[in-house]
C-alpha atoms as a PDB file:
ATOM      1  CA  MET A   1     -52.104  94.063  48.506  1.00  0.00           C
ATOM      2  CA  ALA A   2     -48.421  93.266  48.292  1.00  0.00           C
ATOM      3  CA  GLU A   3     -46.419  94.499  45.340  1.00  0.00           C
ATOM      4  CA  ILE A   4     -44.468  91.863  43.464  1.00  0.00           C
ATOM      5  CA  LYS A   5     -41.477  92.862  41.359  1.00  0.00           C
ATOM      6  CA  THR A   6     -40.445  90.165  38.884  1.00  0.00           C
ATOM      7  CA  LEU A   7     -36.679  90.062  38.422  1.00  0.00           C
ATOM      8  CA  ILE A   8     -36.155  86.704  36.667  1.00  0.00           C
ATOM      9  CA  ASP A   9     -38.955  85.076  34.717  1.00  0.00           C
ATOM     10  CA  GLY A  10     -38.710  81.552  33.351  1.00  0.00           C
ATOM     11  CA  LYS A  11     -34.945  81.014  33.291  1.00  0.00           C
ATOM     12  CA  SER A  12     -34.575  77.366  32.340  1.00  0.00           C
ATOM     13  CA  LEU A  13     -32.146  74.502  32.735  1.00  0.00           C
ATOM     14  CA  SER A  14     -32.481  71.083  31.081  1.00  0.00           C
ATOM     15  CA  TYR A  15     -30.612  67.853  31.650  1.00  0.00           C
ATOM     16  CA  GLU A  16     -30.982  64.342  30.325  1.00  0.00           C
ATOM     17  CA  GLY A  17     -29.067  61.442  31.770  1.00  0.00           C
ATOM     18  CA  VAL A  18     -28.360  59.700  35.064  1.00  0.00           C
ATOM     19  CA  PHE A  19     -28.886  61.494  38.380  1.00  0.00           C
ATOM     20  CA  ASN A  20     -30.194  60.938  41.900  1.00  0.00           C
ATOM     21  CA  ILE A  21     -33.416  62.827  42.637  1.00  0.00           C
ATOM     22  CA  LYS A  22     -33.186  62.404  46.419  1.00  0.00           C
ATOM     23  CA  GLU A  23     -29.651  63.803  46.540  1.00  0.00           C
ATOM     24  CA  LEU A  24     -30.624  66.652  44.217  1.00  0.00           C
ATOM     25  CA  TYR A  25     -33.571  67.637  46.405  1.00  0.00           C
ATOM     26  CA  LYS A  26     -31.391  67.366  49.511  1.00  0.00           C
ATOM     27  CA  ILE A  27     -28.803  69.704  47.978  1.00  0.00           C
ATOM     28  CA  ILE A  28     -31.473  72.253  47.027  1.00  0.00           C
ATOM     29  CA  ASP A  29     -33.030  72.080  50.498  1.00  0.00           C
ATOM     30  CA  THR A  30     -29.667  72.422  52.272  1.00  0.00           C
ATOM     31  CA  TRP A  31     -28.593  75.310  50.060  1.00  0.00           C
ATOM     32  CA  PHE A  32     -31.682  77.333  50.936  1.00  0.00           C
ATOM     33  CA  LYS A  33     -31.513  76.492  54.652  1.00  0.00           C
ATOM     34  CA  ASP A  34     -27.873  77.583  54.813  1.00  0.00           C
ATOM     35  CA  ARG A  35     -28.795  80.976  53.374  1.00  0.00           C
ATOM     36  CA  GLY A  36     -31.722  81.636  55.710  1.00  0.00           C
ATOM     37  CA  TYR A  37     -34.628  80.777  53.426  1.00  0.00           C
ATOM     38  CA  ASP A  38     -37.856  79.139  54.508  1.00  0.00           C
ATOM     39  CA  LYS A  39     -39.545  76.857  52.002  1.00  0.00           C
ATOM     40  CA  GLN A  40     -43.105  76.533  50.820  1.00  0.00           C
ATOM     41  CA  GLU A  41     -43.921  73.524  48.651  1.00  0.00           C
ATOM     42  CA  ILE A  42     -46.686  74.382  46.216  1.00  0.00           C
ATOM     43  CA  LYS A  43     -46.887  71.276  44.062  1.00  0.00           C
ATOM     44  CA  ASN A  44     -45.662  67.720  44.554  1.00  0.00           C
ATOM     45  CA  TRP A  45     -47.117  65.418  41.932  1.00  0.00           C
ATOM     46  CA  GLU A  46     -46.023  61.961  40.795  1.00  0.00           C
ATOM     47  CA  ASP A  47     -47.386  59.788  38.004  1.00  0.00           C
ATOM     48  CA  VAL A  48     -46.190  56.178  37.988  1.00  0.00           C
ATOM     49  CA  SER A  49     -46.720  53.765  35.116  1.00  0.00           C
ATOM     50  CA  GLU A  50     -45.293  50.297  34.549  1.00  0.00           C
ATOM     51  CA  ASN A  51     -42.063  51.369  32.872  1.00  0.00           C
ATOM     52  CA  GLU A  52     -41.449  54.931  33.956  1.00  0.00           C
ATOM     53  CA  LYS A  53     -42.646  57.756  36.132  1.00  0.00           C
ATOM     54  CA  GLN A  54     -42.990  61.506  36.003  1.00  0.00           C
ATOM     55  CA  ILE A  55     -42.542  63.901  38.933  1.00  0.00           C
ATOM     56  CA  VAL A  56     -43.540  67.566  39.069  1.00  0.00           C
ATOM     57  CA  LEU A  57     -42.318  69.715  41.960  1.00  0.00           C
ATOM     58  CA  GLU A  58     -42.853  73.404  42.588  1.00  0.00           C
ATOM     59  CA  ILE A  59     -41.217  75.077  45.577  1.00  0.00           C
ATOM     60  CA  ILE A  60     -41.048  78.709  46.610  1.00  0.00           C
ATOM     61  CA  PRO A  61     -38.253  79.405  49.066  1.00  0.00           C
ATOM     62  CA  TYR A  62     -38.634  82.850  50.623  1.00  0.00           C
ATOM     63  CA  LYS A  63     -36.445  85.028  52.786  1.00  0.00           C
ATOM     64  CA  LYS A  64     -37.711  87.911  54.860  1.00  0.00           C
ATOM     65  CA  ILE A  65     -35.223  90.740  54.406  1.00  0.00           C
ATOM     66  CA  SER A  66     -37.130  93.134  56.644  1.00  0.00           C
ATOM     67  CA  ASP A  67     -40.651  93.675  57.912  1.00  0.00           C
ATOM     68  CA  TYR A  68     -41.342  95.334  54.590  1.00  0.00           C
ATOM     69  CA  ALA A  69     -39.564  93.241  51.926  1.00  0.00           C
ATOM     70  CA  ARG A  70     -39.224  89.556  51.121  1.00  0.00           C
ATOM     71  CA  ILE A  71     -37.347  87.621  48.426  1.00  0.00           C
ATOM     72  CA  ASP A  72     -39.194  84.758  46.717  1.00  0.00           C
ATOM     73  CA  ILE A  73     -37.437  82.294  44.422  1.00  0.00           C
ATOM     74  CA  ARG A  74     -39.746  79.924  42.564  1.00  0.00           C
ATOM     75  CA  ILE A  75     -38.301  76.659  41.248  1.00  0.00           C
ATOM     76  CA  PHE A  76     -40.518  74.536  39.025  1.00  0.00           C
ATOM     77  CA  MET A  77     -39.037  71.058  38.395  1.00  0.00           C
ATOM     78  CA  ILE A  78     -40.259  68.478  35.915  1.00  0.00           C
ATOM     79  CA  PHE A  79     -38.696  65.014  35.902  1.00  0.00           C
ATOM     80  CA  SER A  80     -39.966  62.911  33.007  1.00  0.00           C
ATOM     81  CA  ARG A  81     -39.299  59.442  31.581  1.00  0.00           C
ATOM     82  CA  LEU A  82     -37.737  58.402  34.885  1.00  0.00           C
ATOM     83  CA  SER A  83     -36.598  54.871  35.421  1.00  0.00           C
ATOM     84  CA  GLU A  84     -34.575  53.431  38.262  1.00  0.00           C
ATOM     85  CA  ILE A  85     -31.219  51.910  37.348  1.00  0.00           C
ATOM     86  CA  GLU A  86     -28.237  50.530  39.214  1.00  0.00           C
ATOM     87  CA  VAL A  87     -24.841  52.032  38.567  1.00  0.00           C
ATOM     88  CA  GLU A  88     -21.598  50.377  39.587  1.00  0.00           C
ATOM     89  CA  LYS A  89     -18.596  52.536  40.417  1.00  0.00           C
ATOM     90  CA  ASP A  90     -15.479  51.330  42.242  1.00  0.00           C
ATOM     91  CA  ASN A  91     -17.187  47.959  42.960  1.00  0.00           C
ATOM     92  CA  LEU A  92     -20.080  49.748  44.721  1.00  0.00           C
ATOM     93  CA  ARG A  93     -23.645  49.661  43.453  1.00  0.00           C
ATOM     94  CA  PHE A  94     -25.810  52.787  43.562  1.00  0.00           C
ATOM     95  CA  LYS A  95     -29.494  53.189  42.775  1.00  0.00           C
ATOM     96  CA  MET A  96     -29.898  56.136  40.450  1.00  0.00           C
ATOM     97  CA  ASN A  97     -32.562  57.616  38.216  1.00  0.00           C
ATOM     98  CA  LYS A  98     -32.331  57.932  34.466  1.00  0.00           C
ATOM     99  CA  GLY A  99     -34.477  60.424  32.634  1.00  0.00           C
ATOM    100  CA  ARG A 100     -35.019  64.049  31.744  1.00  0.00           C
ATOM    101  CA  ALA A 101     -34.968  66.944  34.217  1.00  0.00           C
ATOM    102  CA  GLU A 102     -36.199  70.459  33.502  1.00  0.00           C
ATOM    103  CA  PHE A 103     -35.918  73.384  35.883  1.00  0.00           C
ATOM    104  CA  TYR A 104     -37.566  76.800  35.619  1.00  0.00           C
ATOM    105  CA  PHE A 105     -36.449  79.633  37.893  1.00  0.00           C
ATOM    106  CA  ASP A 106     -38.285  82.830  38.810  1.00  0.00           C
ATOM    107  CA  ALA A 107     -37.147  85.509  41.254  1.00  0.00           C
ATOM    108  CA  TYR A 108     -39.346  88.110  42.917  1.00  0.00           C
ATOM    109  CA  VAL A 109     -39.061  90.863  45.480  1.00  0.00           C
ATOM    110  CA  VAL A 110     -42.314  91.245  47.393  1.00  0.00           C
ATOM    111  CA  THR A 111     -42.798  94.527  49.227  1.00  0.00           C
ATOM    112  CA  ASP A 112     -45.415  95.216  51.893  1.00  0.00           C
ATOM    113  CA  TYR A 113     -46.193  91.502  52.135  1.00  0.00           C
ATOM    114  CA  GLU A 114     -48.125  92.011  55.387  1.00  0.00           C
ATOM    115  CA  ASN A 115     -50.390  94.664  53.795  1.00  0.00           C
ATOM    116  CA  LYS A 116     -49.689  97.258  56.464  1.00  0.00           C
ATOM    117  CA  TRP A 117     -49.661 100.168  54.017  1.00  0.00           C
ATOM    118  CA  GLN A 118     -52.848  99.249  52.148  1.00  0.00           C
ATOM    119  CA  THR A 119     -55.421 100.135  54.781  1.00  0.00           C
ATOM    120  CA  ARG A 120     -56.005 103.732  53.636  1.00  0.00           C
ATOM    121  CA  PRO A 121     -55.358 105.586  50.388  1.00  0.00           C
ATOM    122  CA  ILE A 122     -53.131 108.168  52.105  1.00  0.00           C
ATOM    123  CA  PHE A 123     -50.919 105.378  53.462  1.00  0.00           C
ATOM    124  CA  PHE A 124     -50.597 103.922  49.975  1.00  0.00           C
ATOM    125  CA  PHE A 125     -49.571 107.317  48.604  1.00  0.00           C
ATOM    126  CA  ILE A 126     -47.003 107.855  51.381  1.00  0.00           C
ATOM    127  CA  LYS A 127     -45.627 104.346  50.838  1.00  0.00           C
ATOM    128  CA  ASN A 128     -45.060 105.004  47.128  1.00  0.00           C
ATOM    129  CA  ILE A 129     -43.306 108.308  47.800  1.00  0.00           C
ATOM    130  CA  ILE A 130     -41.029 106.766  50.441  1.00  0.00           C
ATOM    131  CA  GLU A 131     -40.282 103.746  48.279  1.00  0.00           C
ATOM    132  CA  LYS A 132     -39.363 105.782  45.201  1.00  0.00           C
ATOM    133  CA  PHE A 133     -37.219 108.409  46.864  1.00  0.00           C
ATOM    134  CA  ILE A 134     -35.990 107.260  50.290  1.00  0.00           C
ATOM    135  CA  TYR A 135     -35.782 103.441  50.202  1.00  0.00           C
ATOM    136  CA  ARG A 136     -34.620 103.241  46.577  1.00  0.00           C
ATOM    137  CA  MET A 137     -31.091 102.289  47.679  1.00  0.00           C
ATOM    138  CA  TYR A 138     -32.400  99.388  49.767  1.00  0.00           C
ATOM    139  CA  THR A 139     -34.723  98.010  47.121  1.00  0.00           C
ATOM    140  CA  VAL A 140     -31.864  97.919  44.596  1.00  0.00           C
ATOM    141  CA  THR A 141     -29.800  95.776  47.003  1.00  0.00           C
ATOM    142  CA  TYR A 142     -32.810  93.469  47.499  1.00  0.00           C
ATOM    143  CA  ASP A 143     -33.063  93.070  43.723  1.00  0.00           C
ATOM    144  CA  SER A 144     -29.389  92.239  43.325  1.00  0.00           C
ATOM    145  CA  GLU A 145     -29.525  89.728  46.205  1.00  0.00           C
ATOM    146  CA  ALA A 146     -32.509  87.934  44.667  1.00  0.00           C
ATOM    147  CA  ILE A 147     -30.811  87.723  41.262  1.00  0.00           C
ATOM    148  CA  ARG A 148     -27.539  86.553  42.831  1.00  0.00           C
ATOM    149  CA  ASP A 149     -29.231  83.817  44.891  1.00  0.00           C
ATOM    150  CA  THR A 150     -31.231  82.565  41.906  1.00  0.00           C
ATOM    151  CA  THR A 151     -28.117  82.384  39.756  1.00  0.00           C
ATOM    152  CA  GLU A 152     -26.191  80.602  42.524  1.00  0.00           C
ATOM    153  CA  ILE A 153     -28.845  77.913  43.034  1.00  0.00           C
ATOM    154  CA  GLU A 154     -29.050  77.388  39.274  1.00  0.00           C
ATOM    155  CA  ASN A 155     -25.260  76.955  39.134  1.00  0.00           C
ATOM    156  CA  GLU A 156     -25.383  74.602  42.137  1.00  0.00           C
ATOM    157  CA  ILE A 157     -27.970  72.398  40.402  1.00  0.00           C
ATOM    158  CA  ARG A 158     -26.039  72.535  37.125  1.00  0.00           C
ATOM    159  CA  SER A 159     -22.787  71.480  38.818  1.00  0.00           C
ATOM    160  CA  PHE A 160     -24.543  68.658  40.715  1.00  0.00           C
ATOM    161  CA  LEU A 161     -26.023  67.276  37.486  1.00  0.00           C
ATOM    162  CA  ASN A 162     -22.669  67.475  35.719  1.00  0.00           C
ATOM    163  CA  MET A 163     -21.004  65.639  38.607  1.00  0.00           C
ATOM    164  CA  GLN A 164     -23.506  62.786  38.345  1.00  0.00           C
ATOM    165  CA  ARG A 165     -22.379  61.715  34.879  1.00  0.00           C
ATOM    166  CA  PHE A 166     -21.207  58.114  34.826  1.00  0.00           C
END
């Protein structure tokens, strides 16, 4: 079984106002693609009523660092009280969304994700010895990369939402 090391747990970001969900999702998707991440979409749920809608998205972008380690960044997004509005800027009309957005970020380093070292107890013992004493330097760099990437995507989302103020 793979070992999961939690580095960031439940870091949150909230925003209420006018924004464009499609552009926001496009920016998140492009950011991860540019940095070599693959994406797994866990949850995509939408509830539409007469006046407003609610969207819940959960994505886990992951990046294989080596055959042994992988970085997972989980982003849980909740968009509530959404309504579609038209905004006029410089005599151009844009369709935007108005509502509340909440983001929750988690960062993990997953080691032995292919379960190669779990077949026998002696392999598990050897893996732990090697990981604690020989590969310690590498695992620390994996941790710092996961924390850095999570902080960067949070700042990217924060700056996008602040730019969307009209």
